[in-house]
Each structure stands twice: as structure tokens, then as C-alpha cells.
PDB file of all heavy atoms in Angstrom:
ATOM      1  N   GLU A   1    -127.075  61.255 -62.950  1.00  0.00           N
ATOM      2  CA  GLU A   1    -126.233  60.481 -63.870  1.00  0.00           C
ATOM      3  C   GLU A   1    -124.767  60.888 -63.732  1.00  0.00           C
ATOM      4  O   GLU A   1    -123.880  60.042 -63.783  1.00  0.00           O
ATOM      5  CB  GLU A   1    -126.698  60.680 -65.316  1.00  0.00           C
ATOM      6  CG  GLU A   1    -128.042  60.068 -65.619  1.00  0.00           C
ATOM      7  CD  GLU A   1    -128.030  58.554 -65.463  1.00  0.00           C
ATOM      8  OE1 GLU A   1    -127.031  57.910 -65.811  1.00  0.00           O
ATOM      9  OE2 GLU A   1    -129.039  58.022 -64.970  1.00  0.00           O
ATOM     10  N   GLU A   2    -124.523  62.182 -63.540  1.00  0.00           N
ATOM     11  CA  GLU A   2    -123.152  62.664 -63.340  1.00  0.00           C
ATOM     12  C   GLU A   2    -122.559  62.073 -62.063  1.00  0.00           C
ATOM     13  O   GLU A   2    -121.401  61.657 -62.034  1.00  0.00           O
ATOM     14  CB  GLU A   2    -123.151  64.194 -63.267  1.00  0.00           C
ATOM     15  CG  GLU A   2    -121.811  64.798 -63.015  1.00  0.00           C
ATOM     16  CD  GLU A   2    -120.953  64.844 -64.252  1.00  0.00           C
ATOM     17  OE1 GLU A   2    -121.501  64.823 -65.362  1.00  0.00           O
ATOM     18  OE2 GLU A   2    -119.725  64.890 -64.104  1.00  0.00           O
ATOM     19  N   GLU A   3    -123.347  62.017 -61.003  1.00  0.00           N
ATOM     20  CA  GLU A   3    -122.881  61.446 -59.734  1.00  0.00           C
ATOM     21  C   GLU A   3    -122.585  59.953 -59.885  1.00  0.00           C
ATOM     22  O   GLU A   3    -121.574  59.465 -59.372  1.00  0.00           O
ATOM     23  CB  GLU A   3    -123.951  61.659 -58.668  1.00  0.00           C
ATOM     24  CG  GLU A   3    -123.557  61.166 -57.306  1.00  0.00           C
ATOM     25  CD  GLU A   3    -124.664  61.394 -56.298  1.00  0.00           C
ATOM     26  OE1 GLU A   3    -125.339  62.434 -56.371  1.00  0.00           O
ATOM     27  OE2 GLU A   3    -124.844  60.517 -55.437  1.00  0.00           O
ATOM     28  N   ARG A   4    -123.426  59.240 -60.608  1.00  0.00           N
ATOM     29  CA  ARG A   4    -123.199  57.807 -60.838  1.00  0.00           C
ATOM     30  C   ARG A   4    -121.916  57.566 -61.626  1.00  0.00           C
ATOM     31  O   ARG A   4    -121.142  56.664 -61.309  1.00  0.00           O
ATOM     32  CB  ARG A   4    -124.371  57.196 -61.600  1.00  0.00           C
ATOM     33  CG  ARG A   4    -125.574  56.947 -60.774  1.00  0.00           C
ATOM     34  CD  ARG A   4    -126.641  56.285 -61.609  1.00  0.00           C
ATOM     35  NE  ARG A   4    -127.890  56.218 -60.896  1.00  0.00           N
ATOM     36  CZ  ARG A   4    -129.051  55.960 -61.448  1.00  0.00           C
ATOM     37  NH1 ARG A   4    -129.124  55.742 -62.760  1.00  0.00           N
ATOM     38  NH2 ARG A   4    -130.136  55.916 -60.718  1.00  0.00           N
ATOM     39  N   SER A   5    -121.699  58.358 -62.651  1.00  0.00           N
ATOM     40  CA  SER A   5    -120.492  58.165 -63.460  1.00  0.00           C
ATOM     41  C   SER A   5    -119.233  58.525 -62.665  1.00  0.00           C
ATOM     42  O   SER A   5    -118.194  57.889 -62.824  1.00  0.00           O
ATOM     43  CB  SER A   5    -120.566  58.967 -64.754  1.00  0.00           C
ATOM     44  OG  SER A   5    -120.591  60.341 -64.496  1.00  0.00           O
ATOM     45  N   ALA A   6    -119.318  59.520 -61.792  1.00  0.00           N
ATOM     46  CA  ALA A   6    -118.165  59.874 -60.958  1.00  0.00           C
ATOM     47  C   ALA A   6    -117.842  58.732 -60.000  1.00  0.00           C
ATOM     48  O   ALA A   6    -116.675  58.389 -59.790  1.00  0.00           O
ATOM     49  CB  ALA A   6    -118.445  61.157 -60.190  1.00  0.00           C
ATOM     50  N   ARG A   7    -118.874  58.129 -59.398  1.00  0.00           N
ATOM     51  CA  ARG A   7    -118.638  56.995 -58.495  1.00  0.00           C
ATOM     52  C   ARG A   7    -118.045  55.818 -59.248  1.00  0.00           C
ATOM     53  O   ARG A   7    -117.146  55.138 -58.748  1.00  0.00           O
ATOM     54  CB  ARG A   7    -119.944  56.571 -57.818  1.00  0.00           C
ATOM     55  CG  ARG A   7    -120.326  57.452 -56.664  1.00  0.00           C
ATOM     56  CD  ARG A   7    -121.417  56.820 -55.851  1.00  0.00           C
ATOM     57  NE  ARG A   7    -122.515  56.333 -56.651  1.00  0.00           N
ATOM     58  CZ  ARG A   7    -123.767  56.734 -56.560  1.00  0.00           C
ATOM     59  NH1 ARG A   7    -124.100  57.646 -55.674  1.00  0.00           N
ATOM     60  NH2 ARG A   7    -124.705  56.230 -57.329  1.00  0.00           N
ATOM     61  N   ALA A   8    -118.523  55.565 -60.457  1.00  0.00           N
ATOM     62  CA  ALA A   8    -117.982  54.461 -61.259  1.00  0.00           C
ATOM     63  C   ALA A   8    -116.530  54.729 -61.643  1.00  0.00           C
ATOM     64  O   ALA A   8    -115.710  53.808 -61.653  1.00  0.00           O
ATOM     65  CB  ALA A   8    -118.833  54.263 -62.510  1.00  0.00           C
ATOM     66  N   ARG A   9    -116.194  55.968 -61.937  1.00  0.00           N
ATOM     67  CA  ARG A   9    -114.824  56.325 -62.283  1.00  0.00           C
ATOM     68  C   ARG A   9    -113.895  56.098 -61.095  1.00  0.00           C
ATOM     69  O   ARG A   9    -112.815  55.524 -61.242  1.00  0.00           O
ATOM     70  CB  ARG A   9    -114.776  57.789 -62.724  1.00  0.00           C
ATOM     71  CG  ARG A   9    -113.479  58.211 -63.316  1.00  0.00           C
ATOM     72  CD  ARG A   9    -113.503  59.654 -63.811  1.00  0.00           C
ATOM     73  NE  ARG A   9    -114.671  59.964 -64.614  1.00  0.00           N
ATOM     74  CZ  ARG A   9    -115.608  60.867 -64.274  1.00  0.00           C
ATOM     75  NH1 ARG A   9    -115.507  61.555 -63.174  1.00  0.00           N
ATOM     76  NH2 ARG A   9    -116.639  61.091 -65.071  1.00  0.00           N
ATOM     77  N   ILE A  10    -114.317  56.500 -59.903  1.00  0.00           N
ATOM     78  CA  ILE A  10    -113.502  56.296 -58.703  1.00  0.00           C
ATOM     79  C   ILE A  10    -113.350  54.809 -58.417  1.00  0.00           C
ATOM     80  O   ILE A  10    -112.263  54.335 -58.059  1.00  0.00           O
ATOM     81  CB  ILE A  10    -114.113  57.043 -57.503  1.00  0.00           C
ATOM     82  CG1 ILE A  10    -113.960  58.539 -57.698  1.00  0.00           C
ATOM     83  CG2 ILE A  10    -113.450  56.625 -56.198  1.00  0.00           C
ATOM     84  CD1 ILE A  10    -114.679  59.375 -56.672  1.00  0.00           C
ATOM     85  N   ARG A  11    -114.418  54.043 -58.591  1.00  0.00           N
ATOM     86  CA  ARG A  11    -114.345  52.593 -58.379  1.00  0.00           C
ATOM     87  C   ARG A  11    -113.348  51.958 -59.347  1.00  0.00           C
ATOM     88  O   ARG A  11    -112.538  51.106 -58.960  1.00  0.00           O
ATOM     89  CB  ARG A  11    -115.722  51.967 -58.561  1.00  0.00           C
ATOM     90  CG  ARG A  11    -115.791  50.545 -58.093  1.00  0.00           C
ATOM     91  CD  ARG A  11    -117.179  49.925 -58.212  1.00  0.00           C
ATOM     92  NE  ARG A  11    -118.261  50.840 -57.957  1.00  0.00           N
ATOM     93  CZ  ARG A  11    -119.235  51.134 -58.836  1.00  0.00           C
ATOM     94  NH1 ARG A  11    -119.241  50.575 -60.022  1.00  0.00           N
ATOM     95  NH2 ARG A  11    -120.181  51.993 -58.522  1.00  0.00           N
ATOM     96  N   GLY A  12    -113.353  52.368 -60.592  1.00  0.00           N
ATOM     97  CA  GLY A  12    -112.398  51.851 -61.571  1.00  0.00           C
ATOM     98  C   GLY A  12    -110.968  52.202 -61.220  1.00  0.00           C
ATOM     99  O   GLY A  12    -110.055  51.381 -61.362  1.00  0.00           O
ATOM    100  N   LEU A  13    -110.758  53.419 -60.727  1.00  0.00           N
ATOM    101  CA  LEU A  13    -109.413  53.819 -60.315  1.00  0.00           C
ATOM    102  C   LEU A  13    -108.951  53.018 -59.102  1.00  0.00           C
ATOM    103  O   LEU A  13    -107.777  52.683 -58.981  1.00  0.00           O
ATOM    104  CB  LEU A  13    -109.375  55.312 -60.006  1.00  0.00           C
ATOM    105  CG  LEU A  13    -109.419  56.234 -61.214  1.00  0.00           C
ATOM    106  CD1 LEU A  13    -109.608  57.684 -60.775  1.00  0.00           C
ATOM    107  CD2 LEU A  13    -108.165  56.091 -62.046  1.00  0.00           C
ATOM    108  N   ARG A  14    -109.871  52.705 -58.213  1.00  0.00           N
ATOM    109  CA  ARG A  14    -109.507  51.872 -57.059  1.00  0.00           C
ATOM    110  C   ARG A  14    -109.077  50.484 -57.512  1.00  0.00           C
ATOM    111  O   ARG A  14    -108.111  49.922 -56.990  1.00  0.00           O
ATOM    112  CB  ARG A  14    -110.675  51.758 -56.090  1.00  0.00           C
ATOM    113  CG  ARG A  14    -110.888  52.981 -55.262  1.00  0.00           C
ATOM    114  CD  ARG A  14    -112.015  52.774 -54.298  1.00  0.00           C
ATOM    115  NE  ARG A  14    -112.315  54.006 -53.594  1.00  0.00           N
ATOM    116  CZ  ARG A  14    -113.464  54.253 -53.037  1.00  0.00           C
ATOM    117  NH1 ARG A  14    -114.439  53.374 -53.083  1.00  0.00           N
ATOM    118  NH2 ARG A  14    -113.662  55.391 -52.402  1.00  0.00           N
ATOM    119  N   TYR A  15    -109.797  49.908 -58.458  1.00  0.00           N
ATOM    120  CA  TYR A  15    -109.420  48.594 -58.976  1.00  0.00           C
ATOM    121  C   TYR A  15    -108.043  48.658 -59.632  1.00  0.00           C
ATOM    122  O   TYR A  15    -107.242  47.736 -59.497  1.00  0.00           O
ATOM    123  CB  TYR A  15    -110.447  48.073 -59.977  1.00  0.00           C
ATOM    124  CG  TYR A  15    -111.756  47.658 -59.356  1.00  0.00           C
ATOM    125  CD1 TYR A  15    -112.949  47.798 -60.049  1.00  0.00           C
ATOM    126  CD2 TYR A  15    -111.812  47.115 -58.081  1.00  0.00           C
ATOM    127  CE1 TYR A  15    -114.147  47.414 -59.491  1.00  0.00           C
ATOM    128  CE2 TYR A  15    -113.007  46.733 -57.512  1.00  0.00           C
ATOM    129  CZ  TYR A  15    -114.174  46.883 -58.228  1.00  0.00           C
ATOM    130  OH  TYR A  15    -115.354  46.503 -57.670  1.00  0.00           O
ATOM    131  N   THR A  16    -107.769  49.735 -60.351  1.00  0.00           N
ATOM    132  CA  THR A  16    -106.462  49.916 -60.966  1.00  0.00           C
ATOM    133  C   THR A  16    -105.378  49.999 -59.900  1.00  0.00           C
ATOM    134  O   THR A  16    -104.323  49.373 -60.024  1.00  0.00           O
ATOM    135  CB  THR A  16    -106.455  51.202 -61.822  1.00  0.00           C
ATOM    136  OG1 THR A  16    -107.475  51.099 -62.803  1.00  0.00           O
ATOM    137  CG2 THR A  16    -105.121  51.416 -62.489  1.00  0.00           C
ATOM    138  N   PHE A  17    -105.638  50.758 -58.840  1.00  0.00           N
ATOM    139  CA  PHE A  17    -104.692  50.913 -57.743  1.00  0.00           C
ATOM    140  C   PHE A  17    -104.399  49.564 -57.093  1.00  0.00           C
ATOM    141  O   PHE A  17    -103.240  49.213 -56.863  1.00  0.00           O
ATOM    142  CB  PHE A  17    -105.282  51.890 -56.721  1.00  0.00           C
ATOM    143  CG  PHE A  17    -104.350  52.276 -55.618  1.00  0.00           C
ATOM    144  CD1 PHE A  17    -103.345  53.200 -55.844  1.00  0.00           C
ATOM    145  CD2 PHE A  17    -104.478  51.729 -54.357  1.00  0.00           C
ATOM    146  CE1 PHE A  17    -102.492  53.574 -54.831  1.00  0.00           C
ATOM    147  CE2 PHE A  17    -103.629  52.087 -53.336  1.00  0.00           C
ATOM    148  CZ  PHE A  17    -102.637  53.015 -53.568  1.00  0.00           C
ATOM    149  N   VAL A  18    -105.433  48.780 -56.823  1.00  0.00           N
ATOM    150  CA  VAL A  18    -105.259  47.463 -56.201  1.00  0.00           C
ATOM    151  C   VAL A  18    -104.501  46.526 -57.139  1.00  0.00           C
ATOM    152  O   VAL A  18    -103.653  45.744 -56.697  1.00  0.00           O
ATOM    153  CB  VAL A  18    -106.622  46.873 -55.785  1.00  0.00           C
ATOM    154  CG1 VAL A  18    -106.504  45.421 -55.365  1.00  0.00           C
ATOM    155  CG2 VAL A  18    -107.223  47.688 -54.659  1.00  0.00           C
ATOM    156  N   SER A  19    -104.757  46.615 -58.434  1.00  0.00           N
ATOM    157  CA  SER A  19    -104.043  45.782 -59.397  1.00  0.00           C
ATOM    158  C   SER A  19    -102.553  46.105 -59.411  1.00  0.00           C
ATOM    159  O   SER A  19    -101.710  45.197 -59.432  1.00  0.00           O
ATOM    160  CB  SER A  19    -104.600  45.992 -60.804  1.00  0.00           C
ATOM    161  OG  SER A  19    -105.955  45.632 -60.864  1.00  0.00           O
ATOM    162  N   PHE A  20    -102.213  47.393 -59.387  1.00  0.00           N
ATOM    163  CA  PHE A  20    -100.808  47.778 -59.351  1.00  0.00           C
ATOM    164  C   PHE A  20    -100.142  47.315 -58.060  1.00  0.00           C
ATOM    165  O   PHE A  20     -98.996  46.878 -58.059  1.00  0.00           O
ATOM    166  CB  PHE A  20    -100.646  49.285 -59.502  1.00  0.00           C
ATOM    167  CG  PHE A  20    -100.902  49.784 -60.898  1.00  0.00           C
ATOM    168  CD1 PHE A  20    -101.404  51.058 -61.112  1.00  0.00           C
ATOM    169  CD2 PHE A  20    -100.640  49.003 -62.008  1.00  0.00           C
ATOM    170  CE1 PHE A  20    -101.640  51.525 -62.386  1.00  0.00           C
ATOM    171  CE2 PHE A  20    -100.863  49.454 -63.292  1.00  0.00           C
ATOM    172  CZ  PHE A  20    -101.362  50.725 -63.467  1.00  0.00           C
ATOM    173  N   LEU A  21    -100.865  47.400 -56.934  1.00  0.00           N
ATOM    174  CA  LEU A  21    -100.321  46.898 -55.671  1.00  0.00           C
ATOM    175  C   LEU A  21    -100.060  45.400 -55.744  1.00  0.00           C
ATOM    176  O   LEU A  21     -99.038  44.921 -55.242  1.00  0.00           O
ATOM    177  CB  LEU A  21    -101.282  47.200 -54.524  1.00  0.00           C
ATOM    178  CG  LEU A  21    -101.212  48.584 -53.920  1.00  0.00           C
ATOM    179  CD1 LEU A  21    -102.271  48.729 -52.832  1.00  0.00           C
ATOM    180  CD2 LEU A  21     -99.854  48.864 -53.354  1.00  0.00           C
ATOM    181  N   ALA A  22    -100.976  44.663 -56.374  1.00  0.00           N
ATOM    182  CA  ALA A  22    -100.789  43.219 -56.508  1.00  0.00           C
ATOM    183  C   ALA A  22     -99.557  42.899 -57.352  1.00  0.00           C
ATOM    184  O   ALA A  22     -98.773  42.000 -57.011  1.00  0.00           O
ATOM    185  CB  ALA A  22    -102.035  42.586 -57.129  1.00  0.00           C
ATOM    186  N   VAL A  23     -99.363  43.634 -58.434  1.00  0.00           N
ATOM    187  CA  VAL A  23     -98.199  43.410 -59.294  1.00  0.00           C
ATOM    188  C   VAL A  23     -96.910  43.732 -58.537  1.00  0.00           C
ATOM    189  O   VAL A  23     -95.921  42.996 -58.645  1.00  0.00           O
ATOM    190  CB  VAL A  23     -98.313  44.244 -60.588  1.00  0.00           C
ATOM    191  CG1 VAL A  23     -97.013  44.246 -61.363  1.00  0.00           C
ATOM    192  CG2 VAL A  23     -99.439  43.705 -61.455  1.00  0.00           C
ATOM    193  N   LEU A  24     -96.928  44.808 -57.758  1.00  0.00           N
ATOM    194  CA  LEU A  24     -95.747  45.134 -56.962  1.00  0.00           C
ATOM    195  C   LEU A  24     -95.472  44.042 -55.929  1.00  0.00           C
ATOM    196  O   LEU A  24     -94.313  43.705 -55.663  1.00  0.00           O
ATOM    197  CB  LEU A  24     -95.923  46.480 -56.267  1.00  0.00           C
ATOM    198  CG  LEU A  24     -95.690  47.710 -57.130  1.00  0.00           C
ATOM    199  CD1 LEU A  24     -96.031  48.972 -56.351  1.00  0.00           C
ATOM    200  CD2 LEU A  24     -94.272  47.770 -57.622  1.00  0.00           C
ATOM    201  N   GLY A  25     -96.520  43.475 -55.346  1.00  0.00           N
ATOM    202  CA  GLY A  25     -96.353  42.377 -54.393  1.00  0.00           C
ATOM    203  C   GLY A  25     -95.741  41.146 -55.041  1.00  0.00           C
ATOM    204  O   GLY A  25     -94.830  40.523 -54.482  1.00  0.00           O
ATOM    205  N   VAL A  26     -96.224  40.812 -56.226  1.00  0.00           N
ATOM    206  CA  VAL A  26     -95.677  39.658 -56.952  1.00  0.00           C
ATOM    207  C   VAL A  26     -94.213  39.909 -57.316  1.00  0.00           C
ATOM    208  O   VAL A  26     -93.369  39.018 -57.194  1.00  0.00           O
ATOM    209  CB  VAL A  26     -96.524  39.360 -58.217  1.00  0.00           C
ATOM    210  CG1 VAL A  26     -95.834  38.370 -59.125  1.00  0.00           C
ATOM    211  CG2 VAL A  26     -97.893  38.853 -57.818  1.00  0.00           C
ATOM    212  N   ALA A  27     -93.915  41.129 -57.733  1.00  0.00           N
ATOM    213  CA  ALA A  27     -92.523  41.456 -58.065  1.00  0.00           C
ATOM    214  C   ALA A  27     -91.637  41.373 -56.823  1.00  0.00           C
ATOM    215  O   ALA A  27     -90.490  40.917 -56.896  1.00  0.00           O
ATOM    216  CB  ALA A  27     -92.444  42.850 -58.685  1.00  0.00           C
ATOM    217  N   GLY A  28     -92.165  41.799 -55.686  1.00  0.00           N
ATOM    218  CA  GLY A  28     -91.409  41.686 -54.444  1.00  0.00           C
ATOM    219  C   GLY A  28     -91.132  40.242 -54.068  1.00  0.00           C
ATOM    220  O   GLY A  28     -90.024  39.898 -53.634  1.00  0.00           O
ATOM    221  N   VAL A  29     -92.124  39.380 -54.252  1.00  0.00           N
ATOM    222  CA  VAL A  29     -91.925  37.952 -53.971  1.00  0.00           C
ATOM    223  C   VAL A  29     -90.901  37.355 -54.932  1.00  0.00           C
ATOM    224  O   VAL A  29     -90.054  36.550 -54.528  1.00  0.00           O
ATOM    225  CB  VAL A  29     -93.277  37.199 -54.043  1.00  0.00           C
ATOM    226  CG1 VAL A  29     -93.076  35.692 -54.020  1.00  0.00           C
ATOM    227  CG2 VAL A  29     -94.185  37.630 -52.903  1.00  0.00           C
ATOM    228  N   LEU A  30     -90.952  37.745 -56.191  1.00  0.00           N
ATOM    229  CA  LEU A  30     -89.961  37.274 -57.157  1.00  0.00           C
ATOM    230  C   LEU A  30     -88.549  37.707 -56.756  1.00  0.00           C
ATOM    231  O   LEU A  30     -87.595  36.941 -56.895  1.00  0.00           O
ATOM    232  CB  LEU A  30     -90.269  37.807 -58.558  1.00  0.00           C
ATOM    233  CG  LEU A  30     -91.355  37.088 -59.336  1.00  0.00           C
ATOM    234  CD1 LEU A  30     -91.658  37.841 -60.620  1.00  0.00           C
ATOM    235  CD2 LEU A  30     -90.951  35.666 -59.629  1.00  0.00           C
ATOM    236  N   LYS A  31     -88.434  38.936 -56.264  1.00  0.00           N
ATOM    237  CA  LYS A  31     -87.122  39.430 -55.852  1.00  0.00           C
ATOM    238  C   LYS A  31     -86.603  38.642 -54.641  1.00  0.00           C
ATOM    239  O   LYS A  31     -85.413  38.345 -54.550  1.00  0.00           O
ATOM    240  CB  LYS A  31     -87.216  40.924 -55.512  1.00  0.00           C
ATOM    241  CG  LYS A  31     -85.902  41.552 -55.163  1.00  0.00           C
ATOM    242  CD  LYS A  31     -84.944  41.514 -56.339  1.00  0.00           C
ATOM    243  CE  LYS A  31     -83.668  42.247 -56.004  1.00  0.00           C
ATOM    244  NZ  LYS A  31     -82.669  42.108 -57.031  1.00  0.00           N
ATOM    245  N   LEU A  32     -87.499  38.277 -53.721  1.00  0.00           N
ATOM    246  CA  LEU A  32     -87.085  37.461 -52.576  1.00  0.00           C
ATOM    247  C   LEU A  32     -86.694  36.051 -53.008  1.00  0.00           C
ATOM    248  O   LEU A  32     -85.753  35.460 -52.484  1.00  0.00           O
ATOM    249  CB  LEU A  32     -88.206  37.387 -51.539  1.00  0.00           C
ATOM    250  CG  LEU A  32     -88.475  38.660 -50.749  1.00  0.00           C
ATOM    251  CD1 LEU A  32     -89.693  38.475 -49.868  1.00  0.00           C
ATOM    252  CD2 LEU A  32     -87.265  39.036 -49.920  1.00  0.00           C
ATOM    253  N   ARG A  33     -87.432  35.515 -53.966  1.00  0.00           N
ATOM    254  CA  ARG A  33     -87.182  34.138 -54.428  1.00  0.00           C
ATOM    255  C   ARG A  33     -85.907  34.047 -55.269  1.00  0.00           C
ATOM    256  O   ARG A  33     -85.166  33.088 -55.174  1.00  0.00           O
ATOM    257  CB  ARG A  33     -88.386  33.664 -55.243  1.00  0.00           C
ATOM    258  CG  ARG A  33     -88.298  32.291 -55.781  1.00  0.00           C
ATOM    259  CD  ARG A  33     -88.757  31.285 -54.758  1.00  0.00           C
ATOM    260  NE  ARG A  33     -88.905  30.005 -55.426  1.00  0.00           N
ATOM    261  CZ  ARG A  33     -88.184  28.948 -55.100  1.00  0.00           C
ATOM    262  NH1 ARG A  33     -87.350  28.999 -54.112  1.00  0.00           N
ATOM    263  NH2 ARG A  33     -88.350  27.831 -55.740  1.00  0.00           N
ATOM    264  N   TYR A  34     -85.706  35.050 -56.128  1.00  0.00           N
ATOM    265  CA  TYR A  34     -84.538  35.092 -57.022  1.00  0.00           C
ATOM    266  C   TYR A  34     -83.777  36.395 -56.773  1.00  0.00           C
ATOM    267  O   TYR A  34     -83.991  37.387 -57.473  1.00  0.00           O
ATOM    268  CB  TYR A  34     -84.975  35.020 -58.490  1.00  0.00           C
ATOM    269  CG  TYR A  34     -85.817  33.821 -58.799  1.00  0.00           C
ATOM    270  CD1 TYR A  34     -87.202  33.931 -58.965  1.00  0.00           C
ATOM    271  CD2 TYR A  34     -85.238  32.565 -58.924  1.00  0.00           C
ATOM    272  CE1 TYR A  34     -87.975  32.822 -59.240  1.00  0.00           C
ATOM    273  CE2 TYR A  34     -86.008  31.453 -59.202  1.00  0.00           C
ATOM    274  CZ  TYR A  34     -87.368  31.592 -59.354  1.00  0.00           C
ATOM    275  OH  TYR A  34     -88.136  30.483 -59.611  1.00  0.00           O
ATOM    276  N   PRO A  35     -82.875  36.422 -55.809  1.00  0.00           N
ATOM    277  CA  PRO A  35     -82.185  37.671 -55.445  1.00  0.00           C
ATOM    278  C   PRO A  35     -81.356  38.287 -56.577  1.00  0.00           C
ATOM    279  O   PRO A  35     -81.155  39.502 -56.592  1.00  0.00           O
ATOM    280  CB  PRO A  35     -81.277  37.266 -54.286  1.00  0.00           C
ATOM    281  CG  PRO A  35     -81.781  35.956 -53.815  1.00  0.00           C
ATOM    282  CD  PRO A  35     -82.500  35.317 -54.951  1.00  0.00           C
ATOM    283  N   GLY A  36     -80.880  37.511 -57.511  1.00  0.00           N
ATOM    284  CA  GLY A  36     -80.071  38.044 -58.607  1.00  0.00           C
ATOM    285  C   GLY A  36     -80.886  38.724 -59.692  1.00  0.00           C
ATOM    286  O   GLY A  36     -80.336  39.360 -60.590  1.00  0.00           O
ATOM    287  N   LEU A  37     -82.189  38.629 -59.644  1.00  0.00           N
ATOM    288  CA  LEU A  37     -83.069  39.195 -60.661  1.00  0.00           C
ATOM    289  C   LEU A  37     -83.111  40.720 -60.529  1.00  0.00           C
ATOM    290  O   LEU A  37     -83.360  41.254 -59.450  1.00  0.00           O
ATOM    291  CB  LEU A  37     -84.474  38.609 -60.496  1.00  0.00           C
ATOM    292  CG  LEU A  37     -85.478  38.774 -61.610  1.00  0.00           C
ATOM    293  CD1 LEU A  37     -84.966  38.121 -62.884  1.00  0.00           C
ATOM    294  CD2 LEU A  37     -86.794  38.164 -61.208  1.00  0.00           C
ATOM    295  N   ASN A  38     -82.878  41.423 -61.627  1.00  0.00           N
ATOM    296  CA  ASN A  38     -82.892  42.878 -61.611  1.00  0.00           C
ATOM    297  C   ASN A  38     -84.312  43.361 -61.947  1.00  0.00           C
ATOM    298  O   ASN A  38     -84.742  43.323 -63.096  1.00  0.00           O
ATOM    299  CB  ASN A  38     -81.891  43.440 -62.615  1.00  0.00           C
ATOM    300  CG  ASN A  38     -81.813  44.947 -62.535  1.00  0.00           C
ATOM    301  OD1 ASN A  38     -82.299  45.549 -61.584  1.00  0.00           O
ATOM    302  ND2 ASN A  38     -81.193  45.551 -63.538  1.00  0.00           N
ATOM    303  N   LEU A  39     -85.019  43.821 -60.932  1.00  0.00           N
ATOM    304  CA  LEU A  39     -86.390  44.286 -61.126  1.00  0.00           C
ATOM    305  C   LEU A  39     -86.535  45.801 -61.019  1.00  0.00           C
ATOM    306  O   LEU A  39     -87.644  46.317 -61.059  1.00  0.00           O
ATOM    307  CB  LEU A  39     -87.309  43.628 -60.085  1.00  0.00           C
ATOM    308  CG  LEU A  39     -87.529  42.128 -60.231  1.00  0.00           C
ATOM    309  CD1 LEU A  39     -88.377  41.619 -59.088  1.00  0.00           C
ATOM    310  CD2 LEU A  39     -88.211  41.826 -61.545  1.00  0.00           C
ATOM    311  N   PHE A  40     -85.426  46.513 -60.872  1.00  0.00           N
ATOM    312  CA  PHE A  40     -85.516  47.961 -60.680  1.00  0.00           C
ATOM    313  C   PHE A  40     -86.260  48.681 -61.808  1.00  0.00           C
ATOM    314  O   PHE A  40     -87.131  49.517 -61.516  1.00  0.00           O
ATOM    315  CB  PHE A  40     -84.135  48.580 -60.469  1.00  0.00           C
ATOM    316  CG  PHE A  40     -84.209  50.058 -60.257  1.00  0.00           C
ATOM    317  CD1 PHE A  40     -84.666  50.570 -59.065  1.00  0.00           C
ATOM    318  CD2 PHE A  40     -83.846  50.933 -61.273  1.00  0.00           C
ATOM    319  CE1 PHE A  40     -84.756  51.931 -58.869  1.00  0.00           C
ATOM    320  CE2 PHE A  40     -83.937  52.291 -61.092  1.00  0.00           C
ATOM    321  CZ  PHE A  40     -84.386  52.793 -59.884  1.00  0.00           C
ATOM    322  N   PRO A  41     -85.986  48.410 -63.080  1.00  0.00           N
ATOM    323  CA  PRO A  41     -86.717  49.150 -64.135  1.00  0.00           C
ATOM    324  C   PRO A  41     -88.225  48.907 -64.079  1.00  0.00           C
ATOM    325  O   PRO A  41     -89.006  49.854 -64.158  1.00  0.00           O
ATOM    326  CB  PRO A  41     -86.126  48.609 -65.439  1.00  0.00           C
ATOM    327  CG  PRO A  41     -84.805  48.051 -65.070  1.00  0.00           C
ATOM    328  CD  PRO A  41     -84.940  47.562 -63.669  1.00  0.00           C
TER     329      PRO A  41
END
């Protein structure tokens, strides 16, 4: 059970990592589309 929960925790962290990458990608596309947009913060 401990091994199963550890694998599930890592899988959840991977999904979180991929979600953050997707958001960064969308923000990058927005910056290309609207160059005057301040996205640094």
C-alpha cells in the first residue's frame, strides 16, 4: 500500500508539472501574439 501511494503521489506531481508547462506555453504564445503585454510577474 505504501508503494502504491508513492507511485500515485509521483503521478500527481507529474500531472502538476505538465500543467505548469502548459500554462507557461500559453503565456509564451500570448507574449508572441501581444508583445506589449507584461507577463514577467
